[in-house]
Amino acid sequence: MLPMKAATNKYSLNLVYKDTKFRLSQMDQNAGALGAAMLIRNNIIGL
């Protein structure tokens, strides 16, 4: 996770980086599909 933290620190505002927490997902291969489904649901239903 160090490269991801370094890139976030380099390319984001200090305030954003300071408040960001990095965690490993336990969702495995389903994370992308579930995230896409949630975005679609939120845009259609307006939640």
PDB file of N, CA and C in Angstrom:
ATOM      1  N   MET A   1       0.811  -1.197   0.000  1.00  0.00           N
ATOM      2  CA  MET A   1       0.000   0.000   0.000  1.00  0.00           C
ATOM      3  C   MET A   1       0.855   1.262   0.000  1.00  0.00           C
ATOM      4  N   LEU A   2       2.131   1.130   0.194  1.00  0.00           N
ATOM      5  CA  LEU A   2       3.004   2.299   0.232  1.00  0.00           C
ATOM      6  C   LEU A   2       2.971   3.107  -1.070  1.00  0.00           C
ATOM      7  N   PRO A   3       3.019   2.481  -2.267  1.00  0.00           N
ATOM      8  CA  PRO A   3       2.940   3.285  -3.491  1.00  0.00           C
ATOM      9  C   PRO A   3       1.631   4.064  -3.605  1.00  0.00           C
ATOM     10  N   MET A   4       0.528   3.461  -3.159  1.00  0.00           N
ATOM     11  CA  MET A   4      -0.759   4.142  -3.210  1.00  0.00           C
ATOM     12  C   MET A   4      -0.772   5.336  -2.252  1.00  0.00           C
ATOM     13  N   LYS A   5      -0.225   5.168  -1.075  1.00  0.00           N
ATOM     14  CA  LYS A   5      -0.162   6.265  -0.108  1.00  0.00           C
ATOM     15  C   LYS A   5       0.737   7.389  -0.624  1.00  0.00           C
ATOM     16  N   ALA A   6       1.868   7.015  -1.226  1.00  0.00           N
ATOM     17  CA  ALA A   6       2.790   8.022  -1.745  1.00  0.00           C
ATOM     18  C   ALA A   6       2.150   8.825  -2.875  1.00  0.00           C
ATOM     19  N   ALA A   7       1.437   8.152  -3.778  1.00  0.00           N
ATOM     20  CA  ALA A   7       0.783   8.851  -4.885  1.00  0.00           C
ATOM     21  C   ALA A   7      -0.339   9.753  -4.376  1.00  0.00           C
ATOM     22  N   THR A   8      -1.083   9.292  -3.399  1.00  0.00           N
ATOM     23  CA  THR A   8      -2.150  10.115  -2.829  1.00  0.00           C
ATOM     24  C   THR A   8      -1.573  11.341  -2.147  1.00  0.00           C
ATOM     25  N   ASN A   9      -0.493  11.170  -1.440  1.00  0.00           N
ATOM     26  CA  ASN A   9       0.166  12.293  -0.777  1.00  0.00           C
ATOM     27  C   ASN A   9       0.694  13.294  -1.803  1.00  0.00           C
ATOM     28  N   LYS A  10       1.227  12.795  -2.899  1.00  0.00           N
ATOM     29  CA  LYS A  10       1.827  13.662  -3.913  1.00  0.00           C
ATOM     30  C   LYS A  10       0.780  14.441  -4.707  1.00  0.00           C
ATOM     31  N   TYR A  11      -0.342  13.797  -5.049  1.00  0.00           N
ATOM     32  CA  TYR A  11      -1.302  14.385  -5.980  1.00  0.00           C
ATOM     33  C   TYR A  11      -2.579  14.924  -5.337  1.00  0.00           C
ATOM     34  N   SER A  12      -2.683  14.902  -4.030  1.00  0.00           N
ATOM     35  CA  SER A  12      -3.893  15.426  -3.399  1.00  0.00           C
ATOM     36  C   SER A  12      -3.536  16.559  -2.439  1.00  0.00           C
ATOM     37  N   LEU A  13      -4.570  17.247  -2.014  1.00  0.00           N
ATOM     38  CA  LEU A  13      -4.363  18.311  -1.036  1.00  0.00           C
ATOM     39  C   LEU A  13      -3.985  17.703   0.307  1.00  0.00           C
ATOM     40  N   ASN A  14      -3.179  18.400   1.061  1.00  0.00           N
ATOM     41  CA  ASN A  14      -2.723  17.898   2.353  1.00  0.00           C
ATOM     42  C   ASN A  14      -3.904  17.597   3.281  1.00  0.00           C
ATOM     43  N   LEU A  15      -4.924  18.442   3.246  1.00  0.00           N
ATOM     44  CA  LEU A  15      -6.100  18.242   4.095  1.00  0.00           C
ATOM     45  C   LEU A  15      -6.793  16.922   3.756  1.00  0.00           C
ATOM     46  N   VAL A  16      -6.900  16.617   2.470  1.00  0.00           N
ATOM     47  CA  VAL A  16      -7.526  15.369   2.035  1.00  0.00           C
ATOM     48  C   VAL A  16      -6.674  14.186   2.461  1.00  0.00           C
ATOM     49  N   TYR A  17      -5.392  14.262   2.219  1.00  0.00           N
ATOM     50  CA  TYR A  17      -4.507  13.142   2.541  1.00  0.00           C
ATOM     51  C   TYR A  17      -4.461  12.881   4.041  1.00  0.00           C
ATOM     52  N   LYS A  18      -4.460  13.944   4.820  1.00  0.00           N
ATOM     53  CA  LYS A  18      -4.358  13.803   6.276  1.00  0.00           C
ATOM     54  C   LYS A  18      -5.550  13.037   6.849  1.00  0.00           C
ATOM     55  N   ASP A  19      -6.729  13.227   6.263  1.00  0.00           N
ATOM     56  CA  ASP A  19      -7.947  12.597   6.776  1.00  0.00           C
ATOM     57  C   ASP A  19      -8.277  11.272   6.094  1.00  0.00           C
ATOM     58  N   THR A  20      -7.437  10.811   5.176  1.00  0.00           N
ATOM     59  CA  THR A  20      -7.712   9.579   4.430  1.00  0.00           C
ATOM     60  C   THR A  20      -7.155   8.371   5.167  1.00  0.00           C
ATOM     61  N   LYS A  21      -7.975   7.330   5.259  1.00  0.00           N
ATOM     62  CA  LYS A  21      -7.541   6.067   5.858  1.00  0.00           C
ATOM     63  C   LYS A  21      -7.530   4.999   4.768  1.00  0.00           C
ATOM     64  N   PHE A  22      -6.469   4.249   4.704  1.00  0.00           N
ATOM     65  CA  PHE A  22      -6.333   3.184   3.719  1.00  0.00           C
ATOM     66  C   PHE A  22      -6.571   1.843   4.402  1.00  0.00           C
ATOM     67  N   ARG A  23      -7.392   1.020   3.760  1.00  0.00           N
ATOM     68  CA  ARG A  23      -7.676  -0.313   4.290  1.00  0.00           C
ATOM     69  C   ARG A  23      -7.722  -1.307   3.142  1.00  0.00           C
ATOM     70  N   LEU A  24      -7.404  -2.557   3.448  1.00  0.00           N
ATOM     71  CA  LEU A  24      -7.537  -3.621   2.468  1.00  0.00           C
ATOM     72  C   LEU A  24      -8.975  -4.116   2.476  1.00  0.00           C
ATOM     73  N   SER A  25      -9.515  -4.331   1.294  1.00  0.00           N
ATOM     74  CA  SER A  25     -10.883  -4.806   1.169  1.00  0.00           C
ATOM     75  C   SER A  25     -10.966  -6.305   1.411  1.00  0.00           C
ATOM     76  N   GLN A  26     -12.063  -6.733   1.981  1.00  0.00           N
ATOM     77  CA  GLN A  26     -12.319  -8.156   2.169  1.00  0.00           C
ATOM     78  C   GLN A  26     -13.318  -8.662   1.138  1.00  0.00           C
ATOM     79  N   MET A  27     -13.632  -7.848   0.131  1.00  0.00           N
ATOM     80  CA  MET A  27     -14.648  -8.192  -0.856  1.00  0.00           C
ATOM     81  C   MET A  27     -14.086  -8.971  -2.042  1.00  0.00           C
ATOM     82  N   ASP A  28     -12.797  -9.090  -2.129  1.00  0.00           N
ATOM     83  CA  ASP A  28     -12.138  -9.825  -3.214  1.00  0.00           C
ATOM     84  C   ASP A  28     -12.542  -9.296  -4.581  1.00  0.00           C
ATOM     85  N   GLN A  29     -12.939 -10.177  -5.480  1.00  0.00           N
ATOM     86  CA  GLN A  29     -13.221  -9.812  -6.869  1.00  0.00           C
ATOM     87  C   GLN A  29     -14.579  -9.144  -7.047  1.00  0.00           C
ATOM     88  N   ASN A  30     -15.417  -9.144  -6.035  1.00  0.00           N
ATOM     89  CA  ASN A  30     -16.759  -8.555  -6.153  1.00  0.00           C
ATOM     90  C   ASN A  30     -16.779  -7.048  -5.926  1.00  0.00           C
ATOM     91  N   ALA A  31     -15.705  -6.473  -5.464  1.00  0.00           N
ATOM     92  CA  ALA A  31     -15.696  -5.059  -5.082  1.00  0.00           C
ATOM     93  C   ALA A  31     -16.038  -4.146  -6.256  1.00  0.00           C
ATOM     94  N   GLY A  32     -15.454  -4.370  -7.400  1.00  0.00           N
ATOM     95  CA  GLY A  32     -15.723  -3.511  -8.565  1.00  0.00           C
ATOM     96  C   GLY A  32     -17.161  -3.594  -9.021  1.00  0.00           C
ATOM     97  N   ALA A  33     -17.700  -4.805  -9.095  1.00  0.00           N
ATOM     98  CA  ALA A  33     -19.080  -4.992  -9.534  1.00  0.00           C
ATOM     99  C   ALA A  33     -20.060  -4.384  -8.534  1.00  0.00           C
ATOM    100  N   LEU A  34     -19.822  -4.575  -7.251  1.00  0.00           N
ATOM    101  CA  LEU A  34     -20.716  -4.001  -6.247  1.00  0.00           C
ATOM    102  C   LEU A  34     -20.634  -2.478  -6.237  1.00  0.00           C
ATOM    103  N   GLY A  35     -19.441  -1.938  -6.410  1.00  0.00           N
ATOM    104  CA  GLY A  35     -19.297  -0.482  -6.469  1.00  0.00           C
ATOM    105  C   GLY A  35     -20.025   0.108  -7.662  1.00  0.00           C
ATOM    106  N   ALA A  36     -19.912  -0.534  -8.819  1.00  0.00           N
ATOM    107  CA  ALA A  36     -20.619  -0.069 -10.018  1.00  0.00           C
ATOM    108  C   ALA A  36     -22.128  -0.147  -9.816  1.00  0.00           C
ATOM    109  N   ALA A  37     -22.598  -1.227  -9.218  1.00  0.00           N
ATOM    110  CA  ALA A  37     -24.034  -1.381  -8.964  1.00  0.00           C
ATOM    111  C   ALA A  37     -24.539  -0.299  -8.014  1.00  0.00           C
ATOM    112  N   MET A  38     -23.750   0.034  -7.006  1.00  0.00           N
ATOM    113  CA  MET A  38     -24.159   1.076  -6.063  1.00  0.00           C
ATOM    114  C   MET A  38     -24.199   2.450  -6.729  1.00  0.00           C
ATOM    115  N   LEU A  39     -23.257   2.737  -7.617  1.00  0.00           N
ATOM    116  CA  LEU A  39     -23.267   4.013  -8.341  1.00  0.00           C
ATOM    117  C   LEU A  39     -24.498   4.119  -9.226  1.00  0.00           C
ATOM    118  N   ILE A  40     -24.824   3.057  -9.929  1.00  0.00           N
ATOM    119  CA  ILE A  40     -26.002   3.040 -10.792  1.00  0.00           C
ATOM    120  C   ILE A  40     -27.260   3.224  -9.950  1.00  0.00           C
ATOM    121  N   ARG A  41     -27.362   2.466  -8.875  1.00  0.00           N
ATOM    122  CA  ARG A  41     -28.533   2.570  -7.999  1.00  0.00           C
ATOM    123  C   ARG A  41     -28.708   3.984  -7.461  1.00  0.00           C
ATOM    124  N   ASN A  42     -27.592   4.582  -7.018  1.00  0.00           N
ATOM    125  CA  ASN A  42     -27.670   5.927  -6.448  1.00  0.00           C
ATOM    126  C   ASN A  42     -28.071   6.955  -7.501  1.00  0.00           C
ATOM    127  N   ASN A  43     -27.601   6.775  -8.735  1.00  0.00           N
ATOM    128  CA  ASN A  43     -27.945   7.736  -9.789  1.00  0.00           C
ATOM    129  C   ASN A  43     -29.378   7.571 -10.271  1.00  0.00           C
ATOM    130  N   ILE A  44     -29.882   6.355 -10.303  1.00  0.00           N
ATOM    131  CA  ILE A  44     -31.247   6.137 -10.779  1.00  0.00           C
ATOM    132  C   ILE A  44     -32.265   6.463  -9.694  1.00  0.00           C
ATOM    133  N   ILE A  45     -32.035   5.963  -8.497  1.00  0.00           N
ATOM    134  CA  ILE A  45     -32.992   6.173  -7.413  1.00  0.00           C
ATOM    135  C   ILE A  45     -32.782   7.541  -6.757  1.00  0.00           C
ATOM    136  N   GLY A  46     -31.569   8.025  -6.789  1.00  0.00           N
ATOM    137  CA  GLY A  46     -31.266   9.322  -6.201  1.00  0.00           C
ATOM    138  C   GLY A  46     -30.976   9.275  -4.723  1.00  0.00           C
ATOM    139  N   LEU A  47     -30.424   8.187  -4.254  1.00  0.00           N
ATOM    140  CA  LEU A  47     -30.082   8.083  -2.839  1.00  0.00           C
ATOM    141  C   LEU A  47     -28.770   8.753  -2.548  1.00  0.00           C
TER     142      LEU A  47
END
